[in-house]
Protein backbone atom coordinates (compact mmCIF):
# COMPACT_ATOMS: atom_id res chain seq x y z
CA MET A 1 24.20 -43.94 -26.83
CA SER A 2 25.29 -40.40 -27.51
CA GLY A 3 26.27 -37.95 -30.15
CA SER A 4 22.84 -37.24 -31.63
CA THR A 5 22.32 -33.58 -32.40
CA THR A 6 18.59 -34.07 -32.04
CA PRO A 7 17.50 -34.08 -28.39
CA SER A 8 14.83 -36.32 -27.03
CA GLU A 9 11.42 -34.82 -26.40
CA ARG A 10 10.60 -36.99 -23.40
CA ALA A 11 12.28 -38.19 -20.22
CA PHE A 12 11.99 -41.04 -17.74
CA VAL A 13 13.08 -40.68 -14.09
CA LEU A 14 13.74 -44.00 -12.38
CA GLY A 15 14.08 -43.37 -8.66
CA LEU A 16 15.88 -45.85 -6.40
CA ASP A 17 15.41 -44.72 -2.82
CA GLY A 18 18.54 -44.82 -0.68
CA VAL A 19 20.96 -46.30 -3.21
CA PRO A 20 24.56 -45.18 -2.54
CA TRP A 21 27.13 -44.51 -5.25
CA ARG A 22 29.79 -46.71 -3.62
CA LEU A 23 27.81 -49.92 -4.12
CA ILE A 24 26.79 -49.08 -7.69
CA GLU A 25 30.37 -48.20 -8.61
CA GLN A 26 31.82 -51.31 -6.97
CA TRP A 27 29.35 -53.86 -8.27
CA SER A 28 29.10 -52.44 -11.78
CA ASP A 29 32.91 -52.45 -12.02
CA GLU A 30 32.91 -56.11 -10.89
CA GLY A 31 30.34 -57.10 -13.53
CA GLU A 32 27.61 -57.87 -11.00
CA LEU A 33 25.25 -55.16 -12.26
CA PRO A 34 25.46 -55.16 -16.07
CA ASN A 35 22.70 -52.63 -16.66
CA PHE A 36 24.14 -50.11 -14.23
CA ALA A 37 27.49 -50.68 -15.96
CA ARG A 38 25.79 -50.01 -19.28
CA MET A 39 24.35 -46.75 -17.94
CA ARG A 40 27.85 -45.65 -16.90
CA GLU A 41 29.44 -46.68 -20.21
CA GLU A 42 26.75 -45.30 -22.51
CA GLY A 43 25.80 -42.24 -20.47
CA ALA A 44 26.89 -39.77 -17.82
CA SER A 45 27.07 -40.63 -14.13
CA GLY A 46 28.31 -39.59 -10.72
CA THR A 47 27.37 -38.90 -7.14
CA LEU A 48 24.29 -36.88 -6.24
CA GLU A 49 24.42 -34.70 -3.13
CA SER A 50 21.23 -34.85 -1.07
CA THR A 51 19.46 -32.28 1.08
CA ARG A 52 20.40 -31.53 4.69
CA PRO A 53 19.27 -33.59 6.43
CA PRO A 54 19.47 -36.31 3.74
CA THR A 55 15.94 -37.61 4.14
CA THR A 56 13.16 -38.77 1.83
CA PRO A 57 10.55 -36.05 2.51
CA LEU A 58 13.00 -33.27 1.70
CA ALA A 59 14.98 -34.85 -1.11
CA TRP A 60 12.34 -36.28 -3.45
CA PRO A 61 10.46 -32.95 -3.66
CA SER A 62 13.82 -31.26 -4.38
CA ILE A 63 14.51 -33.74 -7.18
CA ALA A 64 11.04 -33.21 -8.63
CA THR A 65 11.05 -29.40 -8.39
CA GLY A 66 14.66 -28.26 -8.66
CA VAL A 67 14.46 -26.18 -5.47
CA TRP A 68 15.57 -26.60 -1.86
CA PRO A 69 13.07 -27.11 0.99
CA ASP A 70 12.73 -23.40 1.79
CA LYS A 71 11.05 -23.00 -1.61
CA HIS A 72 9.13 -26.27 -1.89
CA GLY A 73 7.98 -26.03 1.74
CA ILE A 74 8.54 -29.55 3.12
CA TYR A 75 11.01 -29.94 5.99
CA GLY A 76 10.30 -33.46 7.19
CA PHE A 77 7.50 -35.92 7.74
CA GLN A 78 5.62 -33.66 10.15
CA ASN A 79 4.71 -29.99 10.03
CA LEU A 80 5.23 -28.42 13.47
CA SER A 81 2.57 -25.93 14.57
CA SER A 82 2.83 -22.93 16.91
CA GLU A 83 1.14 -25.11 19.56
CA TYR A 84 3.89 -27.77 19.25
CA SER A 85 1.46 -30.23 17.69
CA HIS A 86 2.18 -31.77 14.32
CA GLU A 87 0.43 -32.91 11.19
CA MET A 88 1.77 -35.03 8.38
CA TYR A 89 3.00 -33.17 5.33
CA THR A 90 1.05 -34.00 2.17
CA SER A 91 1.21 -33.07 -1.50
CA ARG A 92 -0.98 -30.06 -0.65
CA ASP A 93 2.00 -28.58 1.22
CA LEU A 94 4.27 -28.61 -1.85
CA GLN A 95 4.72 -24.96 -2.85
CA GLN A 96 6.69 -25.38 -6.09
CA PRO A 97 5.33 -27.06 -9.24
CA ALA A 98 6.82 -30.51 -9.75
CA LEU A 99 7.97 -31.83 -13.13
CA TRP A 100 4.63 -33.58 -13.66
CA GLU A 101 2.88 -30.21 -13.39
CA GLN A 102 5.19 -28.69 -16.00
CA LEU A 103 5.21 -31.56 -18.51
CA GLY A 104 2.48 -33.71 -19.93
CA PRO A 105 1.18 -36.24 -20.40
CA ALA A 106 3.01 -37.39 -17.26
CA HIS A 107 2.84 -40.73 -15.47
CA VAL A 108 3.93 -40.72 -11.84
CA GLY A 109 4.25 -43.83 -9.69
CA ASN A 110 5.14 -44.43 -6.04
CA VAL A 111 6.89 -41.09 -5.54
CA PRO A 112 7.05 -40.21 -1.81
CA MET A 113 5.12 -37.16 -0.60
CA THR A 114 2.60 -37.20 -3.49
CA TYR A 115 -0.49 -38.13 -1.44
CA PRO A 116 -3.24 -37.17 -2.13
CA ALA A 117 -2.93 -37.76 -5.85
CA THR A 118 -2.74 -34.71 -8.09
CA GLU A 119 -5.04 -34.47 -11.10
CA VAL A 120 -2.19 -34.64 -13.59
CA ASP A 121 -2.48 -34.89 -17.35
CA GLY A 122 -1.68 -38.60 -17.36
CA SER A 123 -1.72 -40.87 -14.32
CA MET A 124 -0.50 -40.88 -10.73
CA VAL A 125 -0.24 -43.54 -8.03
CA THR A 126 0.96 -42.07 -4.75
CA GLY A 127 3.78 -43.50 -2.66
CA MET A 128 5.23 -43.21 0.83
CA MET A 129 3.03 -41.22 3.26
CA THR A 130 -0.14 -42.65 1.71
CA PRO A 131 -2.38 -43.65 4.65
CA SER A 132 -4.33 -46.29 2.73
CA THR A 133 -5.25 -47.47 -0.74
CA ASP A 134 -8.94 -46.85 -0.12
CA ARG A 135 -9.14 -43.42 -1.73
CA GLU A 136 -7.18 -40.56 -3.29
CA PHE A 137 -4.10 -42.66 -3.98
CA ALA A 138 -4.63 -42.95 -7.73
CA HIS A 139 -5.62 -40.64 -10.58
CA PRO A 140 -7.67 -40.95 -12.66
CA PRO A 141 -10.11 -42.79 -10.35
CA ASP A 142 -10.53 -45.75 -12.70
CA LEU A 143 -6.80 -46.46 -12.34
CA GLN A 144 -7.48 -47.62 -8.80
CA ASP A 145 -9.93 -50.20 -10.15
CA GLU A 146 -7.34 -51.39 -12.66
CA ILE A 147 -4.73 -51.78 -9.92
CA ASP A 148 -7.18 -53.75 -7.78
CA SER A 149 -7.84 -56.03 -10.74
CA ARG A 150 -4.29 -56.55 -11.99
CA ILE A 151 -2.38 -56.39 -8.68
CA PRO A 152 -4.54 -57.89 -5.92
CA ASP A 153 -3.40 -56.95 -2.40
CA TYR A 154 -1.30 -54.07 -3.71
CA GLU A 155 0.24 -52.21 -0.78
CA ILE A 156 2.27 -49.07 -0.40
CA SER A 157 4.55 -50.26 2.36
CA LEU A 158 5.18 -52.91 5.02
CA ASP A 159 4.52 -53.14 8.75
CA TYR A 160 8.24 -53.05 9.53
CA PRO A 161 8.14 -53.63 13.32
CA GLU A 162 6.70 -57.08 12.68
CA TYR A 163 9.95 -58.08 10.96
CA ALA A 164 12.50 -56.72 13.45
CA ASP A 165 13.51 -60.23 14.57
CA ARG A 166 12.45 -62.08 11.39
CA LEU A 167 14.91 -60.87 8.79
CA ASP A 168 14.49 -63.85 6.46
CA ASP A 169 10.75 -63.20 6.34
CA PHE A 170 11.47 -59.50 5.90
CA GLU A 171 13.66 -60.20 2.88
CA VAL A 172 10.87 -62.25 1.30
CA ALA A 173 8.31 -59.51 2.05
CA VAL A 174 10.50 -56.82 0.48
CA ASP A 175 10.97 -58.98 -2.62
CA GLU A 176 7.20 -59.39 -2.88
CA MET A 177 6.71 -55.63 -2.50
CA LEU A 178 9.33 -55.02 -5.20
CA ALA A 179 7.54 -57.44 -7.54
CA LYS A 180 4.21 -55.67 -7.02
CA ARG A 181 5.81 -52.31 -7.66
CA ARG A 182 7.26 -53.72 -10.87
CA GLU A 183 3.74 -54.75 -11.89
CA LEU A 184 2.49 -51.25 -11.11
CA LEU A 185 5.12 -49.80 -13.44
CA GLN A 186 3.86 -52.11 -16.18
CA VAL A 187 0.26 -51.02 -15.53
CA GLN A 188 1.25 -47.38 -15.98
CA MET A 189 3.37 -48.15 -19.04
CA ASP A 190 0.41 -49.92 -20.63
CA ARG A 191 -1.85 -46.99 -19.81
CA ALA A 192 0.63 -44.45 -21.20
CA GLY A 193 1.11 -46.15 -24.56
CA ASP A 194 3.18 -43.83 -26.72
CA ASP A 195 1.46 -40.69 -25.47
CA TRP A 196 3.71 -39.34 -22.72
CA GLN A 197 6.36 -36.71 -22.10
CA LEU A 198 7.40 -37.66 -18.57
CA PHE A 199 7.61 -40.86 -16.54
CA PHE A 200 8.62 -40.53 -12.89
CA PHE A 201 8.63 -43.81 -10.97
CA VAL A 202 10.30 -44.62 -7.63
CA PHE A 203 11.24 -47.93 -6.05
CA THR A 204 11.55 -47.45 -2.27
CA ALA A 205 12.47 -51.10 -1.57
CA PRO A 206 16.27 -50.58 -1.34
CA ASP A 207 15.88 -48.00 1.42
CA ARG A 208 13.56 -50.26 3.40
CA PHE A 209 15.79 -53.27 2.91
CA GLN A 210 18.97 -51.49 3.95
CA HIS A 211 17.58 -50.07 7.19
CA LEU A 212 17.25 -53.57 8.63
CA ILE A 213 19.77 -55.55 6.56
CA TRP A 214 23.24 -54.17 5.83
CA ASP A 215 24.88 -57.38 4.69
CA GLU A 216 26.65 -57.06 1.34
CA ASP A 217 25.81 -60.56 0.11
CA ARG A 218 22.12 -60.04 0.76
CA LEU A 219 22.30 -56.49 -0.54
CA LEU A 220 23.87 -57.67 -3.80
CA ALA A 221 21.03 -60.14 -4.34
CA HIS A 222 18.56 -57.27 -3.93
CA TYR A 223 20.55 -54.95 -6.19
CA LYS A 224 20.57 -57.59 -8.93
CA LYS A 225 16.77 -57.39 -8.92
CA LEU A 226 17.04 -53.62 -9.27
CA ASP A 227 19.49 -54.12 -12.13
CA ALA A 228 16.98 -56.35 -13.92
CA ILE A 229 14.32 -53.65 -13.55
CA LEU A 230 16.75 -51.09 -14.90
CA GLY A 231 17.34 -53.29 -17.94
CA GLU A 232 13.62 -53.29 -18.70
CA VAL A 233 13.45 -49.50 -18.32
CA ILE A 234 16.47 -49.02 -20.62
CA GLU A 235 14.69 -51.07 -23.28
CA TYR A 236 11.48 -49.08 -22.76
CA THR A 237 13.23 -45.70 -23.06
CA ASP A 238 15.11 -46.86 -26.16
CA ASP A 239 11.82 -47.87 -27.76
CA HIS A 240 10.43 -44.40 -27.01
CA ASP A 241 13.57 -42.33 -27.79
CA ALA A 242 13.56 -40.97 -24.25
CA ASP A 243 16.25 -39.66 -21.94
CA LEU A 244 16.63 -41.82 -18.83
CA TYR A 245 17.66 -40.48 -15.42
CA VAL A 246 18.39 -42.97 -12.63
CA VAL A 247 18.59 -41.15 -9.31
CA SER A 248 18.49 -41.75 -5.57
CA ASP A 249 17.36 -39.27 -2.95
CA HIS A 250 20.29 -40.05 -0.64
CA GLY A 251 22.89 -42.71 0.02
CA PHE A 252 23.22 -45.26 2.80
CA GLY A 253 25.74 -46.59 5.28
CA PRO A 254 26.06 -48.54 8.53
CA ILE A 255 25.21 -47.04 11.92
CA GLU A 256 26.59 -48.13 15.29
CA GLU A 257 24.93 -45.88 17.88
CA LEU A 258 21.99 -43.49 18.19
CA VAL A 259 22.55 -39.97 19.53
CA TYR A 260 19.62 -38.52 21.45
CA VAL A 261 20.11 -34.83 20.72
CA ASN A 262 17.32 -33.60 22.98
CA ARG A 263 19.12 -35.28 25.88
CA ILE A 264 22.22 -33.21 25.08
CA LEU A 265 20.08 -30.07 25.03
CA GLU A 266 18.64 -31.08 28.39
CA ASN A 267 22.09 -31.66 29.85
CA GLU A 268 23.17 -28.22 28.62
CA GLY A 269 20.15 -26.48 30.16
CA TYR A 270 18.30 -25.68 26.93
CA LEU A 271 15.49 -28.22 27.32
CA PHE A 272 13.38 -29.02 30.38
CA ARG A 273 11.00 -31.86 31.08
CA ARG A 274 7.67 -31.49 32.80
CA GLU A 275 7.78 -31.81 36.55
CA ASP A 276 6.74 -35.24 37.79
CA ASP A 277 3.71 -34.07 39.75
CA GLY A 278 0.09 -35.22 39.70
CA THR A 279 -0.59 -38.33 37.65
CA ARG A 280 2.85 -38.37 36.06
CA GLY A 281 4.57 -38.10 39.44
CA ALA A 282 2.44 -40.84 40.94
CA LEU A 283 3.16 -43.17 38.04
CA ALA A 284 6.87 -42.40 38.21
CA SER A 285 6.97 -43.12 41.96
CA LEU A 286 5.48 -46.54 41.25
CA GLY A 287 8.14 -47.24 38.65
CA ILE A 288 5.65 -46.95 35.79
CA SER A 289 7.17 -45.49 32.66
CA LYS A 290 6.89 -45.88 28.92
CA ASP A 291 9.62 -48.53 29.01
CA SER A 292 7.94 -50.59 31.73
CA ILE A 293 4.56 -50.44 30.01
CA THR A 294 5.88 -51.37 26.56
CA GLY A 295 7.98 -54.11 28.12
CA ALA A 296 4.91 -55.64 29.75
CA LEU A 297 2.95 -55.39 26.49
CA ASN A 298 5.76 -57.00 24.52
CA ARG A 299 5.78 -59.96 26.91
CA VAL A 300 2.19 -60.70 25.97
CA GLY A 301 2.80 -60.17 22.25
CA ILE A 302 1.54 -56.58 21.89
CA THR A 303 3.95 -54.06 20.38
CA GLU A 304 3.82 -50.33 20.99
CA GLU A 305 3.18 -49.83 17.28
CA THR A 306 0.22 -52.23 17.32
CA LEU A 307 -1.27 -50.39 20.30
CA VAL A 308 -0.84 -47.00 18.65
CA ARG A 309 -2.34 -48.31 15.44
CA SER A 310 -5.35 -49.85 17.21
CA LEU A 311 -6.42 -46.92 19.40
CA PRO A 312 -7.73 -43.47 18.43
CA ARG A 313 -4.96 -40.88 18.10
CA ARG A 314 -6.50 -38.52 20.68
CA LEU A 315 -6.68 -41.28 23.26
CA VAL A 316 -3.05 -42.23 22.66
CA ASP A 317 -1.97 -38.58 22.99
CA SER A 318 -3.92 -37.99 26.20
CA VAL A 319 -2.59 -41.15 27.84
CA ALA A 320 0.97 -40.54 26.64
CA GLU A 321 0.96 -37.07 28.20
CA GLN A 322 0.53 -38.69 31.62
CA ILE A 323 3.20 -41.38 31.26
CA PRO A 324 6.81 -40.43 32.08
CA GLY A 325 9.27 -41.85 29.61
CA ASP A 326 11.50 -41.27 26.63
CA HIS A 327 8.89 -40.50 23.98
CA ALA A 328 9.76 -37.61 21.70
CA LEU A 329 8.21 -34.26 22.80
CA TYR A 330 5.48 -35.37 25.24
CA ASP A 331 7.82 -34.85 28.20
CA VAL A 332 9.02 -31.37 27.20
CA ASP A 333 8.02 -28.38 29.35
CA PHE A 334 7.74 -25.69 26.70
CA ASP A 335 7.15 -22.98 29.30
CA ARG A 336 10.83 -23.32 30.24
CA THR A 337 12.48 -24.91 27.19
CA VAL A 338 14.77 -22.73 25.08
CA ALA A 339 15.38 -25.14 22.16
CA PHE A 340 14.37 -28.62 21.05
CA ILE A 341 14.79 -31.15 18.24
CA HIS A 342 11.77 -32.18 16.16
CA ASP A 343 11.35 -34.72 13.35
CA THR A 344 14.53 -35.68 11.50
CA GLY A 345 17.07 -33.33 13.09
CA ASN A 346 15.31 -29.97 12.90
CA CYS A 347 16.28 -27.76 15.85
CA TYR A 348 13.93 -24.95 16.81
CA ILE A 349 14.56 -22.03 19.15
CA ASN A 350 11.42 -21.68 21.29
CA ASP A 351 10.90 -18.02 20.44
CA THR A 352 7.88 -15.87 21.16
CA ASP A 353 7.16 -15.08 17.51
CA ARG A 354 7.00 -18.67 16.31
CA PHE A 355 5.50 -20.54 19.29
CA ASP A 356 2.53 -19.87 21.56
CA ASP A 357 4.49 -20.70 24.72
CA GLY A 358 7.78 -19.32 23.47
CA VAL A 359 10.28 -18.04 26.03
CA VAL A 360 13.01 -16.57 23.81
CA SER A 361 13.02 -13.07 22.36
CA PRO A 362 13.72 -13.07 18.60
CA ALA A 363 16.64 -10.73 19.27
CA GLU A 364 18.35 -13.49 21.26
CA ILE A 365 18.18 -16.10 18.49
CA PRO A 366 21.54 -15.46 16.74
CA GLU A 367 23.55 -15.73 19.97
CA LEU A 368 21.58 -18.78 21.10
CA LYS A 369 22.13 -20.53 17.78
CA ALA A 370 25.87 -20.01 18.11
CA ASP A 371 25.89 -21.30 21.69
CA ILE A 372 23.76 -24.36 20.87
CA THR A 373 25.88 -25.13 17.81
CA ALA A 374 29.01 -25.05 19.95
CA ALA A 375 27.40 -27.28 22.58
CA LEU A 376 26.24 -29.89 20.08
CA GLU A 377 29.46 -29.90 18.08
CA SER A 378 31.47 -30.41 21.27
CA ALA A 379 29.59 -33.62 22.15
CA THR A 380 32.01 -36.52 21.69
CA ASP A 381 32.24 -40.26 22.20
CA ALA A 382 34.62 -42.05 24.55
CA ASP A 383 37.42 -41.68 21.99
CA GLY A 384 36.89 -37.95 21.66
CA GLU A 385 35.30 -38.24 18.22
CA PRO A 386 32.46 -35.78 17.49
CA LEU A 387 28.94 -37.19 17.44
CA LEU A 388 27.10 -34.52 15.46
CA GLU A 389 27.22 -32.05 12.59
CA VAL A 390 25.27 -28.80 12.96
CA HIS A 391 24.14 -26.59 10.08
CA ASP A 392 22.66 -23.09 10.23
CA GLY A 393 19.06 -23.11 9.03
CA ASP A 394 19.35 -19.56 7.69
CA GLU A 395 22.17 -20.68 5.40
CA LEU A 396 20.43 -23.86 4.25
CA PHE A 397 17.00 -22.25 3.85
CA PRO A 398 17.55 -18.52 3.24
CA THR A 399 14.16 -17.66 1.72
CA ASP A 400 11.87 -18.97 4.48
CA GLU A 401 11.67 -17.34 7.92
CA GLU A 402 9.72 -20.34 9.24
CA SER A 403 12.46 -22.85 8.45
CA PRO A 404 14.28 -24.72 11.25
CA ASP A 405 16.85 -22.64 13.12
CA LEU A 406 19.46 -25.40 12.97
CA VAL A 407 19.73 -28.81 11.31
CA VAL A 408 21.50 -31.54 13.26
CA THR A 409 22.80 -34.76 11.70
CA GLY A 410 24.95 -37.61 12.97
CA GLN A 411 28.65 -37.87 12.22
CA GLY A 412 29.93 -41.03 10.57
CA THR A 413 28.23 -44.07 12.06
CA TYR A 414 26.21 -42.04 14.57
CA GLU A 415 22.52 -41.41 13.90
CA ALA A 416 20.80 -38.34 15.41
CA ARG A 417 17.40 -38.92 17.04
CA SER A 418 14.85 -36.66 18.72
CA THR A 419 13.71 -38.82 21.65
CA VAL A 420 14.07 -37.26 25.12
CA ALA A 421 15.99 -40.24 26.46
CA GLU A 422 17.79 -40.92 29.72
CA GLU A 423 21.19 -41.28 28.05
CA VAL A 424 22.91 -39.46 25.20
CA LEU A 425 23.84 -42.65 23.33
CA GLY A 426 21.70 -45.68 22.62
CA ASP A 427 21.70 -48.98 20.79
CA THR A 428 20.65 -48.99 17.13
CA GLU A 429 18.74 -52.28 17.27
CA PRO A 430 16.95 -53.31 15.07
CA TYR A 431 18.48 -50.90 12.56
CA ASP A 432 21.67 -51.80 10.71
CA ALA A 433 22.11 -48.72 8.55
CA SER A 434 20.74 -45.31 7.69
CA HIS A 435 21.05 -42.35 5.36
CA ARG A 436 24.15 -40.72 3.93
CA SER A 437 24.38 -37.60 1.78
CA GLU A 438 25.87 -39.19 -1.34
CA GLY A 439 23.32 -40.73 -3.69
CA ILE A 440 23.50 -41.55 -7.41
CA VAL A 441 22.72 -39.96 -10.74
CA LEU A 442 23.08 -41.81 -14.04
CA CYS A 443 21.63 -40.49 -17.29
CA ARG A 444 21.47 -41.92 -20.78
CA GLY A 445 19.80 -40.76 -23.98
CA PRO A 446 20.19 -39.50 -27.55
CA SER A 447 22.18 -36.40 -26.57
CA ILE A 448 23.88 -37.67 -23.40
CA ASP A 449 27.68 -37.95 -23.51
CA ALA A 450 28.83 -41.58 -23.28
CA GLY A 451 31.16 -42.26 -20.37
CA ALA A 452 30.98 -38.74 -18.96
CA THR A 453 31.58 -38.18 -15.25
CA LEU A 454 29.27 -35.80 -13.41
CA ARG A 455 30.94 -33.88 -10.59
CA GLY A 456 29.23 -31.81 -7.94
CA ALA A 457 25.69 -32.82 -8.92
CA ARG A 458 22.97 -32.09 -6.36
CA VAL A 459 19.38 -33.24 -6.05
CA VAL A 460 18.16 -29.81 -7.22
CA ASP A 461 20.11 -30.17 -10.48
CA VAL A 462 18.08 -33.11 -11.79
CA ALA A 463 14.94 -31.20 -12.83
CA PRO A 464 16.73 -28.32 -14.63
CA THR A 465 18.97 -30.78 -16.49
CA LEU A 466 16.04 -32.97 -17.52
CA LEU A 467 13.99 -29.99 -18.71
CA HIS A 468 16.82 -28.45 -20.73
CA GLY A 469 17.72 -31.83 -22.18
CA ILE A 470 14.29 -32.24 -23.77
CA GLY A 471 14.07 -28.63 -24.94
CA GLU A 472 11.82 -27.28 -22.20
CA PRO A 473 12.36 -24.06 -20.22
CA VAL A 474 13.72 -24.12 -16.68
CA PRO A 475 11.84 -22.25 -13.91
CA GLU A 476 13.41 -18.88 -13.13
CA ASN A 477 13.46 -19.60 -9.40
CA ALA A 478 15.16 -22.99 -9.71
CA ASP A 479 18.01 -23.47 -7.23
CA GLY A 480 19.56 -26.16 -9.40
CA ARG A 481 21.72 -25.75 -12.47
CA VAL A 482 21.81 -27.57 -15.79
CA LEU A 483 24.51 -30.26 -15.72
CA PHE A 484 26.02 -29.43 -19.11
CA ASP A 485 28.72 -32.05 -18.57
CA ALA A 486 26.01 -34.65 -19.14
CA PHE A 487 25.53 -33.66 -22.78
CA ALA A 488 27.71 -34.51 -25.76
CA GLU A 489 29.53 -31.42 -27.06
CA GLU A 490 27.87 -31.56 -30.48
CA ALA A 491 24.40 -32.23 -29.10
CA THR A 492 21.72 -29.54 -29.17
CA PRO A 493 21.34 -29.22 -25.35
CA ALA A 494 25.09 -28.55 -24.99
CA MET A 495 24.95 -25.82 -27.64
CA THR A 496 21.73 -24.17 -26.50
CA LYS A 497 21.30 -21.42 -23.93
CA VAL A 498 19.03 -22.29 -21.02
CA ASP A 499 15.54 -20.92 -21.60
CA ARG A 500 13.81 -19.62 -18.48
CA THR A 501 10.14 -19.45 -17.56
CA THR A 502 7.93 -18.41 -14.67
CA VAL A 503 6.00 -21.18 -12.96
CA THR A 504 3.18 -20.92 -10.45
CA LYS A 505 1.74 -23.52 -8.13
CA THR A 506 -2.00 -24.09 -8.07
CA ARG A 507 -2.67 -24.45 -4.35
CA SER A 508 -5.63 -26.33 -2.94
CA ASP A 509 -7.24 -24.98 0.24
CA GLU A 510 -8.98 -28.30 0.80
CA GLU A 511 -7.73 -29.99 3.96
CA VAL A 512 -6.62 -33.61 3.89
CA ASP A 513 -9.06 -35.31 6.25
CA GLU A 514 -7.31 -38.61 6.74
CA ASP A 515 -6.12 -40.82 9.58
CA PHE A 516 -2.32 -41.06 9.33
CA ASP A 517 -1.84 -43.43 12.29
CA ASP A 518 -0.77 -46.28 10.00
CA VAL A 519 1.72 -43.98 8.30
CA GLU A 520 3.20 -42.98 11.66
CA ASP A 521 3.43 -46.65 12.58
CA ARG A 522 5.39 -47.43 9.42
CA LEU A 523 7.69 -44.45 9.98
CA LYS A 524 8.40 -45.60 13.52
CA GLY A 525 9.21 -49.02 12.16
CA LEU A 526 11.88 -47.46 9.95
CA GLY A 527 13.24 -45.29 12.76
CA TYR A 528 12.05 -42.06 11.11
CA MET A 529 9.71 -41.13 13.97
CA GLU A 530 9.73 -41.70 17.70
């Protein structure tokens, strides 16, 4: 489907969270995924490089805005304060206008990091990071009533810890979630009619499935369901003369061991734990720790996640501060700590400008970053293979002084974690796999070049390419570029200079007053938080 000199005036983004190029290439070549094969034959396709780290909260906003995290403002699931406390990032933290704020009518479904729902010209149903479906998850408000009527028991996500040792049940639950999401897409298609310029809909099921099940036979069965959904979307976009972009925020691959980076920092003298005095010392002397308490609870059928979900957050925090153990930053003595890992691999120097209890002069930061990078990159396994990759935050995020100082990710089959553990390496159970940098991009439409290969595409390139492809201007501050290789040589987008425009974000000062305990519980179940 290419060669038309007349570009489409609308576009559909079908997001498939966590889908790696290797599986799409292999199974479409083997005839297992006919609709993905059709996308490759009739359109342009290739790998899509994710953010660093390659995680959902950074990558989907970059896909939707065309800028890296230093411009869109979201660096993880949690925003770290100067007091070392954290709050969940929400759509109110997004600093760059997304595609659905530049185009309209727009219909947005299940996109991560969109809660609370934006009052778009069209419709929006929020996705991952939505605390509940009680309020602010759908716009306009009557859409929530329609969802309740047409999709009873609609849910954003699953309680993953419940399925850690019940993978057959987990597979059934993911299939049910996928089916409900498919129904939601139909609800929004019905509501849109023929009056839309943008559709942006994400299926997060593949990411969830792959974290716990990395078995190619079971994966293929799941991917065939995704292929069937893609077939329906191809038909829909053909009926509406729309460009179709199929993208993933990152890839996926197996993991074999967890690397507790804060433990390495502790071993190297950069991080210190609180002294075991007072209540903490007394509990430690009695052999009471987080592990012993959670072990006792598990024996009577109570998981840590259930306990956290059932009790008020302040109570959990106050109790956790007194219990020695491996939980992520409760044990850290910030009066002595030089550097620490927070969230999904963000390393912060504990400097006096950024943090209330900082101990490092800003002038010391460059030398410290070099020393810490060397220490982390020299950490190896028993075979002498490196465990970690370290990236300079100033190079990744040059426009934001508040960005992480370093970004740490696992090498190969190692997964970096932030827990202050007793050992550097730990078992991955119950997780089979996790994120990789190489996702997918496949596009198809009236002016897309059939069979073209896209090389060097990045998540920030999707929005500029989509906008230019439908004849809309690209924001002047976009970090991404238009992927001209996607367009047929004789097509209008290939022969037209990129038009630029200035965009501004309408910021809301209204705080999000919501209990995110359930969200944290789900993130822990996926291994995203500790």
